[in-house]
Amino acid sequence: MKSETGDGDTGAPQGNADPVVSVNEASARPTVLIPDASLLLYGEYERDGFDLVITGPDGQTFVVHDYFGMVPPPNLVLANGAGLSPEMVQALLHLPFDGAMFAGPADGAPGLVVIGHVKLAIGTVTAKNGDETRTLKRGDPIYKGDDIRTGDRSFIKAEMDEGTKFQLGKNAHATVDDFSFQESTGQGHFAATVIVGGFHYQSGKIGSMHTGTNPHSQIRTPSAIIAIRGSELDGSVDPSGETIVVHQSSYLVVTDINGHNAVVLQVPGNTSVIV
């Protein structure tokens, strides 16, 4: 098993480039270069003390030393600019990402909260929440924080409790990070992270309740943040982290993972490609 580390203190072969912690001038957020897209996009993320350990599909490990001691924590990036923000890493760890994260490992886990159900599942579709992995089928609950993966020739259509739809195609990986809905107060929010694969989103009741400028939903990818107001969209993230967004209705604002370089999509059929 080959192991690489994020501070250069490693037994990795000399031919491999050791990542360097640097500061992105546009965001003033540190970055750590990850040498392999399969590690970043297909790896398993674990906390070991203050270190972040990423294990790739081939068993290769990569350690970002003192990741949880950095304030702010760094973006994990590829050479092409795609990457994972701390919020996306949080989703993959299934842990609360607040001030306590930097003082030591979290104790315990909150109870699972049902936020929707599976309307259709074809092929191999699994969800992980904490240490438990479930095979999903039609009618099964979707929990806040579910880490969902689909296999080859697989598909899932999930529906939140107020009608918002979120779909994933084959060989996809996404987390359902947050959902809330209070019809009496006119408030609602949906958030997901798509690491790789094709996806579709369609607003439910939360789309008609928000008439201001603030988005009611957000989808993060390795190269974009998609802020959504009453919209329907299709998207895909390829194995290099490149994101394509096709706007179907209403209003989208697409930025990079630091929230900069905004592109507004208002005309149905408009496409945004973010590398």
Protein backbone atom coordinates (compact mmCIF):
# COMPACT_ATOMS: atom_id res chain seq x y z
CA MET A 1 0.00 0.00 0.00
CA LYS A 2 1.39 3.35 -1.03
CA SER A 3 0.92 6.24 1.38
CA GLU A 4 1.37 9.93 0.68
CA THR A 5 1.01 12.78 3.12
CA GLY A 6 0.00 16.39 2.86
CA ASP A 7 3.02 17.87 4.62
CA GLY A 8 5.83 16.21 2.70
CA ASP A 9 6.70 13.88 5.62
CA THR A 10 6.17 10.62 3.76
CA GLY A 11 7.67 7.44 2.51
CA ALA A 12 6.16 8.01 -0.92
CA PRO A 13 8.35 7.28 -3.96
CA GLN A 14 10.44 10.20 -5.18
CA GLY A 15 8.62 10.21 -8.52
CA ASN A 16 5.41 11.35 -6.85
CA ALA A 17 4.88 15.06 -6.23
CA ASP A 18 4.36 15.82 -2.56
CA PRO A 19 1.46 18.25 -2.04
CA VAL A 20 2.19 21.68 -0.65
CA VAL A 21 -0.08 23.76 1.57
CA SER A 22 -0.51 27.12 -0.14
CA VAL A 23 -2.92 30.06 -0.01
CA ASN A 24 -5.33 30.83 -2.83
CA GLU A 25 -5.06 34.60 -3.25
CA ALA A 26 -8.67 34.93 -4.44
CA SER A 27 -10.13 33.15 -1.44
CA ALA A 28 -7.43 33.58 1.24
CA ARG A 29 -8.10 29.93 2.00
CA PRO A 30 -5.22 27.44 2.15
CA THR A 31 -5.12 24.64 -0.40
CA VAL A 32 -3.59 21.17 -0.41
CA LEU A 33 -2.78 19.57 -3.76
CA ILE A 34 -4.09 16.02 -4.13
CA PRO A 35 -2.04 14.11 -6.73
CA ASP A 36 -4.74 11.77 -8.03
CA ALA A 37 -8.37 12.45 -9.01
CA SER A 38 -9.39 8.95 -7.95
CA LEU A 39 -8.24 9.73 -4.40
CA LEU A 40 -10.14 13.01 -4.25
CA LEU A 41 -13.36 11.94 -5.97
CA TYR A 42 -13.60 8.22 -5.21
CA GLY A 43 -11.74 7.98 -1.89
CA GLU A 44 -13.07 7.20 1.57
CA TYR A 45 -12.54 10.01 4.09
CA GLU A 46 -11.72 9.41 7.75
CA ARG A 47 -10.51 11.44 10.69
CA ASP A 48 -7.48 10.22 12.65
CA GLY A 49 -6.87 12.67 15.49
CA PHE A 50 -6.16 15.99 13.78
CA ASP A 51 -5.24 14.29 10.48
CA LEU A 52 -7.49 13.65 7.47
CA VAL A 53 -6.93 10.23 5.89
CA ILE A 54 -8.12 9.55 2.33
CA THR A 55 -8.10 5.94 1.08
CA GLY A 56 -8.44 5.46 -2.67
CA PRO A 57 -10.20 2.62 -4.50
CA ASP A 58 -6.85 0.84 -5.00
CA GLY A 59 -5.96 1.02 -1.29
CA GLN A 60 -3.58 3.96 -1.69
CA THR A 61 -3.74 6.31 1.30
CA PHE A 62 -3.08 10.01 1.49
CA VAL A 63 -2.76 11.85 4.81
CA VAL A 64 -3.33 15.58 5.22
CA HIS A 65 -1.51 16.21 8.48
CA ASP A 66 -3.16 18.58 10.98
CA TYR A 67 -6.11 19.19 8.62
CA PHE A 68 -8.43 19.66 11.59
CA GLY A 69 -5.95 21.98 13.29
CA MET A 70 -5.91 24.48 10.42
CA VAL A 71 -8.14 27.56 10.72
CA PRO A 72 -9.61 27.85 8.21
CA PRO A 73 -9.23 24.27 6.98
CA PRO A 74 -7.87 24.03 3.42
CA ASN A 75 -9.50 23.21 0.12
CA LEU A 76 -8.30 19.88 -1.27
CA VAL A 77 -7.53 20.52 -4.94
CA LEU A 78 -6.39 18.79 -8.11
CA ALA A 79 -3.91 20.26 -10.58
CA ASN A 80 -6.82 21.22 -12.88
CA GLY A 81 -8.38 23.38 -10.13
CA ALA A 82 -11.23 21.07 -9.14
CA GLY A 83 -11.42 20.36 -5.44
CA LEU A 84 -13.34 19.78 -2.25
CA SER A 85 -14.08 22.60 0.16
CA PRO A 86 -14.16 21.96 3.93
CA GLU A 87 -17.96 21.85 3.74
CA MET A 88 -17.78 19.05 1.17
CA VAL A 89 -15.26 17.12 3.26
CA GLN A 90 -17.64 17.52 6.20
CA ALA A 91 -20.39 15.84 4.19
CA LEU A 92 -18.13 12.88 3.38
CA LEU A 93 -17.08 12.46 7.03
CA HIS A 94 -20.67 12.45 8.37
CA LEU A 95 -19.54 14.54 11.33
CA PRO A 96 -20.60 17.95 12.65
CA PHE A 97 -18.19 20.54 11.26
CA ASP A 98 -18.16 23.26 13.89
CA GLY A 99 -15.63 24.67 16.32
CA ALA A 100 -15.55 21.41 18.26
CA MET A 101 -14.01 19.69 15.24
CA PHE A 102 -10.75 21.52 15.83
CA ALA A 103 -10.51 20.65 19.52
CA GLY A 104 -10.56 16.90 19.10
CA PRO A 105 -12.62 14.00 17.72
CA ALA A 106 -16.39 14.41 18.01
CA ASP A 107 -18.23 12.33 20.61
CA GLY A 108 -21.33 10.45 19.58
CA ALA A 109 -23.66 11.09 16.62
CA PRO A 110 -27.08 12.66 16.34
CA GLY A 111 -30.15 10.54 15.60
CA LEU A 112 -31.10 9.99 11.96
CA VAL A 113 -33.64 12.45 10.56
CA VAL A 114 -35.95 11.32 7.74
CA ILE A 115 -36.15 14.03 5.05
CA GLY A 116 -37.59 12.11 2.09
CA HIS A 117 -38.10 8.75 0.43
CA VAL A 118 -36.91 6.74 -2.55
CA LYS A 119 -39.40 6.98 -5.41
CA LEU A 120 -37.44 4.71 -7.73
CA ALA A 121 -34.19 2.73 -7.47
CA ILE A 122 -32.73 0.64 -10.28
CA GLY A 123 -29.60 -1.49 -10.06
CA THR A 124 -27.18 -1.11 -7.17
CA VAL A 125 -27.91 1.91 -4.99
CA THR A 126 -26.48 2.25 -1.47
CA ALA A 127 -26.59 4.87 1.25
CA LYS A 128 -24.16 5.29 4.14
CA ASN A 129 -24.88 7.28 7.27
CA GLY A 130 -22.34 6.94 10.06
CA ASP A 131 -21.08 3.35 10.09
CA GLU A 132 -24.20 1.84 8.53
CA THR A 133 -24.51 1.10 4.80
CA ARG A 134 -27.97 0.33 3.40
CA THR A 135 -29.14 -0.95 0.03
CA LEU A 136 -31.87 1.40 -1.14
CA LYS A 137 -35.13 0.34 -2.76
CA ARG A 138 -38.41 2.03 -3.57
CA GLY A 139 -40.15 3.40 -0.49
CA ASP A 140 -37.06 3.45 1.72
CA PRO A 141 -36.39 6.59 3.78
CA ILE A 142 -33.74 9.14 2.86
CA TYR A 143 -31.96 10.50 5.93
CA LYS A 144 -30.27 13.85 6.37
CA GLY A 145 -26.57 13.27 5.71
CA ASP A 146 -27.01 10.14 3.57
CA ASP A 147 -23.98 9.37 1.38
CA ILE A 148 -25.54 7.83 -1.74
CA ARG A 149 -23.71 5.84 -4.42
CA THR A 150 -24.98 4.19 -7.57
CA GLY A 151 -23.40 1.39 -9.55
CA ASP A 152 -23.18 0.71 -13.27
CA ARG A 153 -26.60 0.76 -14.97
CA SER A 154 -28.09 2.15 -11.77
CA PHE A 155 -30.36 5.09 -10.98
CA ILE A 156 -32.13 6.65 -8.01
CA LYS A 157 -34.97 9.14 -7.82
CA ALA A 158 -35.47 10.59 -4.35
CA GLU A 159 -38.24 12.95 -3.28
CA MET A 160 -38.15 15.21 -0.26
CA ASP A 161 -41.18 15.50 1.99
CA GLU A 162 -42.51 18.66 0.24
CA GLY A 163 -41.95 17.40 -3.30
CA THR A 164 -38.40 18.48 -4.18
CA LYS A 165 -36.87 15.85 -6.47
CA PHE A 166 -33.20 14.82 -6.58
CA GLN A 167 -31.97 12.15 -8.99
CA LEU A 168 -28.64 10.44 -9.63
CA GLY A 169 -27.56 8.43 -12.67
CA LYS A 170 -25.11 5.55 -12.99
CA ASN A 171 -21.76 5.48 -11.16
CA ALA A 172 -22.67 8.58 -9.17
CA HIS A 173 -21.72 9.68 -5.66
CA ALA A 174 -23.56 12.37 -3.72
CA THR A 175 -24.51 13.36 -0.20
CA VAL A 176 -27.86 14.80 0.87
CA ASP A 177 -26.58 17.37 3.33
CA ASP A 178 -29.63 19.24 4.54
CA PHE A 179 -33.37 19.66 4.13
CA SER A 180 -35.90 21.68 6.07
CA PHE A 181 -39.42 22.85 5.31
CA GLN A 182 -41.84 24.95 7.33
CA GLU A 183 -44.91 25.74 5.25
CA SER A 184 -46.46 27.87 8.01
CA THR A 185 -43.50 30.28 7.99
CA GLY A 186 -42.70 30.05 4.29
CA GLN A 187 -39.20 28.74 4.94
CA GLY A 188 -37.35 25.83 3.39
CA HIS A 189 -33.88 24.73 2.35
CA PHE A 190 -32.24 21.87 0.43
CA ALA A 191 -28.51 21.18 0.14
CA ALA A 192 -26.58 18.38 -1.56
CA THR A 193 -23.02 17.64 -2.64
CA VAL A 194 -22.39 15.80 -5.91
CA ILE A 195 -18.88 14.35 -6.04
CA VAL A 196 -19.18 12.60 -9.40
CA GLY A 197 -21.89 11.51 -11.84
CA GLY A 198 -25.05 12.84 -13.46
CA PHE A 199 -27.81 14.48 -11.44
CA HIS A 200 -31.21 16.19 -11.80
CA TYR A 201 -32.88 18.62 -9.41
CA GLN A 202 -36.43 19.98 -9.40
CA SER A 203 -37.78 22.28 -6.71
CA GLY A 204 -40.91 21.31 -4.80
CA LYS A 205 -42.94 23.65 -2.62
CA ILE A 206 -39.81 25.46 -1.43
CA GLY A 207 -39.39 26.83 -4.96
CA SER A 208 -42.70 28.68 -4.89
CA MET A 209 -42.20 29.98 -1.35
CA HIS A 210 -39.02 31.94 -2.09
CA THR A 211 -39.66 35.06 -4.11
CA GLY A 212 -36.66 37.14 -3.00
CA THR A 213 -33.05 37.07 -4.11
CA ASN A 214 -31.83 34.46 -1.63
CA PRO A 215 -31.50 30.88 -2.92
CA HIS A 216 -33.57 28.16 -1.29
CA SER A 217 -31.36 25.29 -2.46
CA GLN A 218 -27.68 24.66 -3.09
CA ILE A 219 -25.73 21.91 -4.83
CA ARG A 220 -21.95 21.76 -4.42
CA THR A 221 -19.61 19.95 -6.81
CA PRO A 222 -15.79 19.74 -7.01
CA SER A 223 -15.76 22.80 -9.29
CA ALA A 224 -18.96 24.72 -8.55
CA ILE A 225 -21.56 25.94 -6.11
CA ILE A 226 -25.01 26.05 -7.71
CA ALA A 227 -27.40 28.40 -5.92
CA ILE A 228 -31.01 27.67 -6.86
CA ARG A 229 -34.18 29.75 -6.84
CA GLY A 230 -37.34 27.95 -7.96
CA SER A 231 -35.43 26.05 -10.62
CA GLU A 232 -35.08 22.78 -12.43
CA LEU A 233 -31.67 21.72 -13.71
CA ASP A 234 -29.59 18.87 -15.07
CA GLY A 235 -25.93 18.48 -14.29
CA SER A 236 -22.96 16.15 -14.41
CA VAL A 237 -19.54 15.89 -12.81
CA ASP A 238 -16.95 13.95 -14.79
CA PRO A 239 -14.06 11.91 -13.29
CA SER A 240 -11.76 14.96 -13.46
CA GLY A 241 -14.17 17.09 -11.42
CA GLU A 242 -15.44 19.19 -14.35
CA THR A 243 -19.08 20.24 -13.88
CA ILE A 244 -21.68 20.87 -16.57
CA VAL A 245 -24.94 22.57 -15.56
CA VAL A 246 -27.94 22.80 -17.92
CA HIS A 247 -30.57 25.27 -16.74
CA GLN A 248 -34.17 24.16 -17.32
CA SER A 249 -36.24 26.83 -15.56
CA SER A 250 -36.22 29.89 -13.28
CA TYR A 251 -32.91 31.19 -11.84
CA LEU A 252 -29.45 29.77 -11.08
CA VAL A 253 -26.24 31.40 -9.88
CA VAL A 254 -23.14 29.26 -10.45
CA THR A 255 -19.81 30.09 -8.78
CA ASP A 256 -16.52 28.34 -8.12
CA ILE A 257 -16.12 26.36 -4.87
CA ASN A 258 -15.06 29.53 -3.02
CA GLY A 259 -18.21 31.40 -4.05
CA HIS A 260 -16.43 33.61 -6.61
CA ASN A 261 -16.75 34.24 -10.39
CA ALA A 262 -20.55 34.08 -10.48
CA VAL A 263 -22.43 33.16 -13.66
CA VAL A 264 -26.21 33.75 -13.77
CA LEU A 265 -28.39 31.33 -15.77
CA GLN A 266 -31.92 32.58 -16.46
CA VAL A 267 -32.72 31.37 -19.99
CA PRO A 268 -33.92 27.73 -20.23
CA GLY A 269 -31.38 25.60 -22.06
CA ASN A 270 -28.40 27.74 -21.05
CA THR A 271 -25.36 25.64 -20.19
CA SER A 272 -22.46 26.44 -17.89
CA VAL A 273 -19.23 24.42 -17.92
CA ILE A 274 -17.03 24.84 -14.85
CA VAL A 275 -13.52 23.38 -14.84
